[in-house]
Amino acid sequence: MSEESTTPASESTWTANTSEPSTSAETANFSERYSEILGKVNETLDKVDWSQAGRIGKVVGIFAAVIVAQILIKGILDTINLLPVVPGLLELLGVVVVGQWSWKNLTTSEKRSALVNRVQTIRSEYLG
């Protein structure tokens, strides 16, 4: 009697542990669900205006490039700030460049008026 009670239990666990579907109805059910899902996806994709996708792709690409550039620049600046002498040298370089530009463009009244004229010309070209 003990053999009869263990035999059906072991057979039921064997069929439960198999990875193959036990009936063809389950396979058909899966195929129907798969076809239904693909049909809905195709319907949704047919509704999309693909002429706008190029513009959207360009905008997303530009945003992605800007984000990557900002991350790289932040990494470079953080690395520079870790070095003890470099930030001070870069500040000194900035002061020297501004001093040279000021000496070149702002020392005489003629140079200042020429600079104002160039700025006004550029502003009128770009702003109208």
Protein backbone atom coordinates (compact mmCIF):
# COMPACT_ATOMS: atom_id res chain seq x y z
CA MET A 1 0.00 0.00 0.00
CA SER A 2 2.76 2.39 0.70
CA GLU A 3 4.10 1.86 -2.81
CA GLU A 4 0.76 2.72 -4.38
CA SER A 5 0.45 5.96 -2.39
CA THR A 6 3.95 7.15 -3.30
CA THR A 7 3.78 6.21 -6.96
CA PRO A 8 0.99 8.65 -7.96
CA ALA A 9 2.61 11.44 -5.96
CA SER A 10 5.94 10.93 -7.67
CA GLU A 11 4.26 10.82 -11.08
CA SER A 12 2.41 14.06 -10.39
CA THR A 13 5.57 15.83 -9.29
CA TRP A 14 7.35 14.54 -12.37
CA THR A 15 4.73 16.01 -14.68
CA ALA A 16 4.68 19.24 -12.68
CA ASN A 17 8.44 19.64 -12.93
CA THR A 18 8.67 19.23 -16.70
CA SER A 19 9.19 22.42 -18.63
CA GLU A 20 7.24 21.28 -21.66
CA PRO A 21 3.55 22.25 -21.90
CA SER A 22 1.33 19.36 -21.02
CA THR A 23 -1.34 20.12 -23.63
CA SER A 24 -1.52 21.71 -27.02
CA ALA A 25 -4.24 24.04 -25.68
CA GLU A 26 -1.67 25.96 -23.66
CA THR A 27 0.50 26.33 -26.75
CA ALA A 28 -2.43 27.60 -28.76
CA ASN A 29 -3.38 30.00 -25.94
CA PHE A 30 0.15 31.40 -25.90
CA SER A 31 0.16 31.78 -29.69
CA GLU A 32 -3.16 33.63 -29.58
CA ARG A 33 -1.95 35.97 -26.85
CA TYR A 34 1.32 36.58 -28.70
CA SER A 35 -0.53 37.36 -31.93
CA GLU A 36 -2.93 39.67 -30.10
CA ILE A 37 -0.09 41.59 -28.45
CA LEU A 38 1.80 41.94 -31.73
CA GLY A 39 -1.38 43.16 -33.42
CA LYS A 40 -1.84 45.87 -30.77
CA VAL A 41 1.80 46.93 -31.07
CA ASN A 42 1.51 47.16 -34.86
CA GLU A 43 -1.69 49.20 -34.58
CA THR A 44 -0.01 51.60 -32.19
CA LEU A 45 3.05 51.96 -34.42
CA ASP A 46 0.82 52.59 -37.44
CA LYS A 47 -0.71 55.57 -35.62
CA VAL A 48 2.70 57.23 -35.08
CA ASP A 49 3.56 60.15 -37.37
CA TRP A 50 6.99 59.00 -38.53
CA SER A 51 7.70 62.27 -40.36
CA GLN A 52 8.19 63.88 -36.95
CA ALA A 53 10.46 61.10 -35.71
CA GLY A 54 13.51 62.57 -37.45
CA ARG A 55 13.14 65.89 -35.67
CA ILE A 56 12.46 64.24 -32.36
CA GLY A 57 15.50 62.02 -32.86
CA LYS A 58 17.69 65.02 -33.58
CA VAL A 59 16.46 66.85 -30.49
CA VAL A 60 17.00 63.80 -28.30
CA GLY A 61 20.45 63.34 -29.82
CA ILE A 62 21.39 66.94 -29.14
CA PHE A 63 20.19 66.66 -25.54
CA ALA A 64 22.16 63.45 -25.10
CA ALA A 65 25.31 65.06 -26.54
CA VAL A 66 24.93 68.09 -24.28
CA ILE A 67 24.47 65.89 -21.21
CA VAL A 68 27.53 63.80 -22.08
CA ALA A 69 29.58 66.95 -22.72
CA GLN A 70 28.53 68.42 -19.37
CA ILE A 71 29.47 65.22 -17.56
CA LEU A 72 32.89 65.18 -19.26
CA ILE A 73 33.52 68.85 -18.53
CA LYS A 74 32.53 68.38 -14.89
CA GLY A 75 34.90 65.44 -14.61
CA ILE A 76 37.75 67.43 -16.12
CA LEU A 77 37.11 70.42 -13.86
CA ASP A 78 36.87 68.23 -10.77
CA THR A 79 40.18 66.61 -11.71
CA ILE A 80 41.80 70.01 -12.23
CA ASN A 81 40.50 71.22 -8.86
CA LEU A 82 42.09 68.21 -7.16
CA LEU A 83 45.53 69.40 -8.24
CA PRO A 84 46.75 72.01 -5.75
CA VAL A 85 48.50 74.49 -8.11
CA VAL A 86 46.42 74.32 -11.32
CA PRO A 87 43.29 76.28 -10.22
CA GLY A 88 45.40 79.24 -9.13
CA LEU A 89 47.38 79.16 -12.36
CA LEU A 90 44.18 79.09 -14.42
CA GLU A 91 42.86 82.12 -12.52
CA LEU A 92 46.13 83.94 -13.19
CA LEU A 93 45.92 82.99 -16.87
CA GLY A 94 42.39 84.42 -17.01
CA VAL A 95 43.52 87.69 -15.46
CA VAL A 96 46.42 87.93 -17.94
CA VAL A 97 44.15 87.27 -20.95
CA VAL A 98 41.61 89.87 -19.81
CA GLY A 99 44.41 92.36 -19.19
CA GLN A 100 45.87 91.84 -22.65
CA TRP A 101 42.47 92.16 -24.32
CA SER A 102 41.71 95.32 -22.33
CA TRP A 103 45.06 96.85 -23.24
CA LYS A 104 44.54 96.02 -26.91
CA ASN A 105 40.93 97.25 -27.15
CA LEU A 106 40.34 99.85 -24.44
CA THR A 107 43.47 102.02 -24.08
CA THR A 108 42.54 104.87 -26.42
CA SER A 109 39.22 106.51 -27.26
CA GLU A 110 39.55 105.46 -30.92
CA LYS A 111 39.94 101.81 -29.94
CA ARG A 112 36.97 102.04 -27.56
CA SER A 113 34.75 103.64 -30.22
CA ALA A 114 35.86 101.02 -32.79
CA LEU A 115 34.94 98.29 -30.27
CA VAL A 116 31.52 99.84 -29.68
CA ASN A 117 30.95 100.04 -33.45
CA ARG A 118 31.92 96.36 -33.89
CA VAL A 119 29.55 95.31 -31.10
CA GLN A 120 26.69 97.34 -32.60
CA THR A 121 27.37 95.90 -36.07
CA ILE A 122 27.35 92.34 -34.75
CA ARG A 123 24.18 93.02 -32.75
CA SER A 124 22.38 94.43 -35.80
CA GLU A 125 23.48 91.43 -37.93
CA TYR A 126 22.20 88.84 -35.51
CA LEU A 127 19.25 90.57 -33.87
CA GLY A 128 18.05 92.53 -36.88
